[in-house]
Amino acid sequence: MPSEPRATWHFTADLDGFLDRAGEFLRTDPAAHTALLSVTDTLRVRGLRAYGDGDPLFGTYTGDDGTVQGALVQTPPHRAALSPLAPEAADDLARRLADVSPDLPGVATERRTAQAFAEAWEKHTGATATVGIEQRLYRLGTLTPPEPAPEGRARVAGEADRELLGRWHEEFGEAVGERPAMAPGEWADARIAYGGVTLWETPDGTPVAMAGTTRLVAGQIRVAPVYTPAARRGRGYGGAATAAVSRAALDAGAAEVLLFTDLANPTSNGLYQRIGYRPVRDYAQYDFDFVR
């Protein structure tokens, strides 16, 4: 007599196998799974080493009824990205990963799951979990471009902008206190390949801000990153670039246009809400030390 299904995690290094197993689950709530969708799409297009030299790890959580109810993607040396999880799934994941990936550097997911997993990681490993950046996910409602718009225009970045994009990508990471997810040149090449960065330039053609977007996956596009060099801030360039890429995302057929903000930055949170973005849920990042 066959045994009853039992809730458990399944790990793999096979991206196609993971997508076959978890794809439908991820597509049921594209907003909640935006990070996992965009990361796996990049790995599919750019290769498994797009984010670093280590082999990615994928995981799915199957409930007692045999359906997928959770997912994990970790691209070394970065934090694990998780779908929202029930507390028992987060605890079981921490227990299993303590053996599979004991040097896990951290986790990033919606706030309650992040806290539950961090507490379980401390319990199962003896490590210390420290809260990092806390974010809010926004979804575009009615797009309301800033008025008056700054002088200049938006244009899609091309090959001639590769060096600039790489430099601004690094500067953005420094500004938010985060290690860039991809090497500057790789990131620039990946975005240029599908028109994934829009520049705002002044009337004389000088680029003064950029706004990027992920590829269209499961009906959603996420705006990321938005960056204005320090000397150019306070003039509306970042907001104009964001409005431009948001309109382009809608024109490309996105059912949902999303973005993350740093909750510690009231300026950006206020700006995006004025453009038409509305809060969805809060997220948190935790960093783990390796002391056992």
Protein backbone atom coordinates (compact mmCIF):
# COMPACT_ATOMS: atom_id res chain seq x y z
CA MET A 1 0.00 0.00 0.00
CA PRO A 2 1.53 3.34 -1.04
CA SER A 3 2.55 5.65 1.79
CA GLU A 4 0.79 8.96 2.33
CA PRO A 5 2.54 12.10 1.03
CA ARG A 6 4.63 13.81 3.69
CA ALA A 7 5.61 17.47 3.83
CA THR A 8 9.28 17.78 2.88
CA TRP A 9 11.92 19.83 1.07
CA HIS A 10 13.50 18.64 -2.16
CA PHE A 11 16.84 20.17 -3.26
CA THR A 12 18.42 20.17 -6.68
CA ALA A 13 21.09 21.87 -8.78
CA ASP A 14 19.00 21.31 -11.93
CA LEU A 15 17.36 24.59 -12.99
CA ASP A 16 15.07 23.00 -15.57
CA GLY A 17 13.97 20.37 -13.09
CA PHE A 18 13.27 23.03 -10.49
CA LEU A 19 11.21 25.09 -12.93
CA ASP A 20 9.28 22.02 -14.02
CA ARG A 21 8.49 21.31 -10.39
CA ALA A 22 7.95 24.83 -9.05
CA GLY A 23 7.01 26.88 -12.10
CA GLU A 24 3.25 26.66 -11.69
CA PHE A 25 3.54 27.50 -7.99
CA LEU A 26 5.68 30.57 -8.71
CA ARG A 27 3.29 31.80 -11.39
CA THR A 28 0.27 31.60 -9.07
CA ASP A 29 1.47 34.74 -7.26
CA PRO A 30 4.03 36.58 -9.41
CA ALA A 31 4.31 39.53 -7.04
CA ALA A 32 5.15 37.39 -4.03
CA HIS A 33 7.67 35.43 -6.10
CA THR A 34 9.12 38.27 -8.16
CA ALA A 35 12.70 37.77 -6.95
CA LEU A 36 12.67 34.02 -7.58
CA LEU A 37 11.12 34.50 -11.01
CA SER A 38 13.62 37.12 -12.13
CA VAL A 39 16.67 35.30 -10.74
CA THR A 40 15.75 31.99 -12.36
CA ASP A 41 14.98 33.78 -15.63
CA THR A 42 18.44 35.36 -15.58
CA LEU A 43 20.05 31.99 -14.87
CA ARG A 44 18.11 30.46 -17.75
CA VAL A 45 19.18 33.17 -20.19
CA ARG A 46 22.70 34.06 -18.97
CA GLY A 47 23.84 30.73 -17.51
CA LEU A 48 24.08 29.20 -14.04
CA ARG A 49 27.17 31.27 -13.12
CA ALA A 50 25.59 34.64 -13.93
CA TYR A 51 25.62 35.68 -10.26
CA GLY A 52 28.91 34.12 -9.19
CA ASP A 53 31.22 31.15 -9.43
CA GLY A 54 29.29 28.82 -7.12
CA ASP A 55 26.62 26.35 -8.19
CA PRO A 56 23.08 27.59 -7.50
CA LEU A 57 20.84 25.62 -5.16
CA PHE A 58 17.12 25.25 -5.76
CA GLY A 59 14.52 23.88 -3.39
CA THR A 60 10.82 23.10 -3.33
CA TYR A 61 8.62 22.39 -0.33
CA THR A 62 5.87 19.86 -0.91
CA GLY A 63 2.96 19.82 1.53
CA ASP A 64 1.10 16.84 2.95
CA ASP A 65 -1.25 16.97 -0.04
CA GLY A 66 1.63 16.57 -2.50
CA THR A 67 1.47 20.11 -3.88
CA VAL A 68 4.36 22.57 -3.99
CA GLN A 69 3.89 25.16 -1.24
CA GLY A 70 7.29 26.85 -1.05
CA ALA A 71 10.47 27.51 -2.99
CA LEU A 72 14.11 28.46 -2.48
CA VAL A 73 16.75 29.86 -4.84
CA GLN A 74 20.31 30.54 -3.68
CA THR A 75 23.08 31.74 -5.98
CA PRO A 76 26.40 31.74 -4.09
CA PRO A 77 27.78 33.93 -2.63
CA HIS A 78 24.43 35.67 -2.13
CA ARG A 79 21.59 35.28 0.34
CA ALA A 80 18.89 32.69 -0.24
CA ALA A 81 15.67 34.01 -1.77
CA LEU A 82 12.55 32.33 -0.38
CA SER A 83 8.89 32.34 -1.20
CA PRO A 84 6.58 33.12 1.71
CA LEU A 85 6.56 30.02 3.93
CA ALA A 86 4.53 28.55 6.75
CA PRO A 87 6.52 28.52 10.04
CA GLU A 88 6.94 24.74 9.97
CA ALA A 89 8.31 24.89 6.41
CA ALA A 90 10.79 27.62 7.40
CA ASP A 91 11.97 25.59 10.39
CA ASP A 92 12.34 22.41 8.34
CA LEU A 93 14.27 24.33 5.68
CA ALA A 94 16.72 25.73 8.24
CA ARG A 95 17.25 22.27 9.70
CA ARG A 96 17.90 20.73 6.28
CA LEU A 97 20.10 23.57 4.99
CA ALA A 98 22.26 23.40 8.10
CA ASP A 99 23.61 20.18 6.57
CA VAL A 100 23.29 21.01 2.86
CA SER A 101 24.59 24.61 2.95
CA PRO A 102 26.08 25.34 6.39
CA ASP A 103 27.79 28.54 5.22
CA LEU A 104 24.59 30.18 3.99
CA PRO A 105 25.31 33.93 4.18
CA GLY A 106 21.74 35.07 4.77
CA VAL A 107 18.14 35.13 3.62
CA ALA A 108 15.85 37.59 1.86
CA THR A 109 12.08 37.20 1.74
CA GLU A 110 8.86 38.65 3.09
CA ARG A 111 9.27 39.80 6.67
CA ARG A 112 7.47 37.06 8.62
CA THR A 113 9.16 34.27 6.70
CA ALA A 114 12.55 35.97 7.02
CA GLN A 115 12.16 36.28 10.79
CA ALA A 116 10.93 32.69 11.19
CA PHE A 117 13.78 31.31 9.09
CA ALA A 118 16.40 33.44 10.85
CA GLU A 119 15.23 32.25 14.26
CA ALA A 120 15.25 28.64 13.05
CA TRP A 121 18.73 29.08 11.57
CA GLU A 122 20.03 30.31 14.91
CA LYS A 123 18.38 27.34 16.64
CA HIS A 124 19.73 24.71 14.26
CA THR A 125 23.23 26.12 13.68
CA GLY A 126 24.16 28.25 16.69
CA ALA A 127 24.91 31.14 14.31
CA THR A 128 23.77 34.72 14.88
CA ALA A 129 21.26 36.32 12.52
CA THR A 130 21.40 40.10 12.05
CA VAL A 131 18.68 42.15 10.38
CA GLY A 132 19.92 43.93 7.27
CA ILE A 133 17.93 46.03 4.83
CA GLU A 134 14.16 46.13 5.33
CA GLN A 135 12.17 46.73 2.19
CA ARG A 136 8.64 47.30 0.95
CA LEU A 137 7.30 45.79 -2.26
CA TYR A 138 5.11 48.13 -4.31
CA ARG A 139 2.77 47.44 -7.22
CA LEU A 140 1.91 50.06 -9.83
CA GLY A 141 -1.69 51.26 -9.76
CA THR A 142 -2.44 54.25 -12.01
CA LEU A 143 0.76 55.64 -13.42
CA THR A 144 1.06 59.35 -12.65
CA PRO A 145 4.26 60.80 -14.16
CA PRO A 146 5.78 63.64 -12.13
CA GLU A 147 4.71 67.13 -13.13
CA PRO A 148 6.50 69.15 -14.16
CA ALA A 149 8.94 66.71 -15.65
CA PRO A 150 12.60 67.73 -15.61
CA GLU A 151 14.13 68.94 -18.83
CA GLY A 152 15.44 66.20 -21.05
CA ARG A 153 14.21 62.86 -22.28
CA ALA A 154 14.32 59.13 -21.67
CA ARG A 155 16.19 56.76 -23.95
CA VAL A 156 16.99 53.07 -23.79
CA ALA A 157 20.66 52.37 -23.01
CA GLY A 158 22.74 50.65 -25.67
CA GLU A 159 26.20 49.23 -26.22
CA ALA A 160 27.80 52.67 -26.14
CA ASP A 161 26.58 53.05 -22.54
CA ARG A 162 28.12 49.78 -21.28
CA GLU A 163 30.90 51.36 -19.24
CA LEU A 164 28.54 53.92 -17.70
CA LEU A 165 26.00 51.25 -16.74
CA GLY A 166 28.66 49.10 -15.10
CA ARG A 167 29.99 52.05 -13.12
CA TRP A 168 26.54 53.19 -11.99
CA HIS A 169 25.65 49.62 -11.06
CA GLU A 170 28.62 49.55 -8.70
CA GLU A 171 27.83 53.02 -7.34
CA PHE A 172 24.25 51.97 -6.67
CA GLY A 173 25.47 49.01 -4.61
CA GLU A 174 27.75 51.28 -2.61
CA ALA A 175 24.93 53.78 -2.04
CA VAL A 176 22.59 51.14 -0.58
CA GLY A 177 25.34 49.27 1.25
CA GLU A 178 24.93 46.08 -0.77
CA ARG A 179 27.32 43.97 -2.82
CA PRO A 180 26.10 44.01 -6.45
CA ALA A 181 24.41 40.76 -7.40
CA MET A 182 26.35 40.53 -10.67
CA ALA A 183 29.71 41.70 -11.95
CA PRO A 184 29.39 45.17 -13.54
CA GLY A 185 30.15 44.09 -17.10
CA GLU A 186 27.92 41.02 -16.91
CA TRP A 187 25.07 43.08 -15.50
CA ALA A 188 25.43 45.72 -18.20
CA ASP A 189 25.56 43.10 -20.97
CA ALA A 190 22.53 41.28 -19.59
CA ARG A 191 20.44 44.44 -19.42
CA ILE A 192 21.53 45.87 -22.76
CA ALA A 193 20.60 42.57 -24.43
CA TYR A 194 16.88 43.17 -23.80
CA GLY A 195 16.73 46.94 -23.39
CA GLY A 196 16.58 46.61 -19.62
CA VAL A 197 17.93 50.06 -18.66
CA THR A 198 16.51 53.46 -19.51
CA LEU A 199 18.59 56.60 -19.06
CA TRP A 200 17.27 60.06 -18.41
CA GLU A 201 19.46 62.56 -20.21
CA THR A 202 19.52 66.34 -20.19
CA PRO A 203 18.84 68.33 -23.37
CA ASP A 204 22.56 68.30 -24.20
CA GLY A 205 22.56 64.46 -24.11
CA THR A 206 24.24 63.99 -20.72
CA PRO A 207 22.92 60.90 -18.84
CA VAL A 208 21.88 61.94 -15.32
CA ALA A 209 19.86 58.95 -13.99
CA MET A 210 18.97 55.37 -14.83
CA ALA A 211 16.08 53.05 -14.16
CA GLY A 212 16.30 49.36 -14.93
CA THR A 213 13.73 46.63 -15.34
CA THR A 214 13.76 42.86 -15.19
CA ARG A 215 12.53 40.85 -18.14
CA LEU A 216 8.82 40.08 -18.44
CA VAL A 217 8.26 36.80 -16.57
CA ALA A 218 4.89 35.37 -15.51
CA GLY A 219 3.19 38.64 -16.39
CA GLN A 220 5.33 40.77 -14.06
CA ILE A 221 8.19 43.21 -14.56
CA ARG A 222 10.11 44.69 -11.65
CA VAL A 223 11.73 48.10 -11.77
CA ALA A 224 15.32 47.75 -10.49
CA PRO A 225 17.58 49.54 -9.92
CA VAL A 226 16.83 53.26 -9.92
CA TYR A 227 19.97 55.37 -9.52
CA THR A 228 20.90 59.04 -9.74
CA PRO A 229 24.49 60.08 -9.00
CA ALA A 230 24.73 62.15 -5.82
CA ALA A 231 25.57 65.39 -7.63
CA ARG A 232 22.42 65.12 -9.77
CA ARG A 233 19.87 64.30 -7.08
CA GLY A 234 16.94 66.46 -6.07
CA ARG A 235 16.04 67.50 -9.62
CA GLY A 236 13.45 64.85 -10.49
CA TYR A 237 15.63 62.80 -12.82
CA GLY A 238 15.16 59.49 -10.99
CA GLY A 239 11.39 59.93 -10.82
CA ALA A 240 11.21 60.77 -14.53
CA ALA A 241 13.28 57.70 -15.42
CA THR A 242 11.10 55.51 -13.20
CA ALA A 243 7.92 56.80 -14.79
CA ALA A 244 9.39 56.16 -18.24
CA VAL A 245 10.32 52.52 -17.55
CA SER A 246 7.00 51.94 -15.79
CA ARG A 247 5.15 53.09 -18.90
CA ALA A 248 7.39 50.92 -21.07
CA ALA A 249 6.67 47.91 -18.85
CA LEU A 250 2.94 48.42 -19.25
CA ASP A 251 3.35 48.83 -23.00
CA ALA A 252 5.33 45.55 -23.06
CA GLY A 253 2.30 43.75 -21.66
CA ALA A 254 3.11 43.50 -17.96
CA ALA A 255 0.04 42.76 -15.86
CA GLU A 256 1.99 43.79 -12.76
CA VAL A 257 4.77 46.37 -12.50
CA LEU A 258 6.62 46.07 -9.21
CA LEU A 259 9.50 47.62 -7.31
CA PHE A 260 11.23 47.36 -3.94
CA THR A 261 12.17 50.32 -1.76
CA ASP A 262 14.37 50.63 1.29
CA LEU A 263 12.05 51.37 4.22
CA ALA A 264 14.78 53.54 5.73
CA ASN A 265 14.54 55.93 2.75
CA PRO A 266 11.37 58.05 3.10
CA THR A 267 12.27 60.07 -0.01
CA SER A 268 12.08 57.13 -2.40
CA ASN A 269 9.00 55.67 -0.70
CA GLY A 270 7.20 58.99 -1.08
CA LEU A 271 8.33 59.44 -4.67
CA TYR A 272 7.12 56.05 -5.87
CA GLN A 273 3.75 56.49 -4.23
CA ARG A 274 3.31 59.83 -5.97
CA ILE A 275 4.05 58.12 -9.29
CA GLY A 276 1.29 55.59 -8.59
CA TYR A 277 2.89 52.67 -6.74
CA ARG A 278 0.96 51.11 -3.86
CA PRO A 279 2.33 48.95 -0.98
CA VAL A 280 1.99 45.18 -1.27
CA ARG A 281 4.01 43.70 1.63
CA ASP A 282 7.18 44.19 3.61
CA TYR A 283 10.41 42.23 3.20
CA ALA A 284 13.55 41.77 5.26
CA GLN A 285 17.10 40.59 4.74
CA TYR A 286 19.07 38.76 7.43
CA ASP A 287 22.79 38.11 7.45
CA PHE A 288 24.25 35.05 9.20
CA ASP A 289 27.68 34.67 10.75
CA PHE A 290 29.51 31.37 10.46
CA VAL A 291 30.31 30.81 14.12
CA ARG A 292 29.10 27.39 15.26
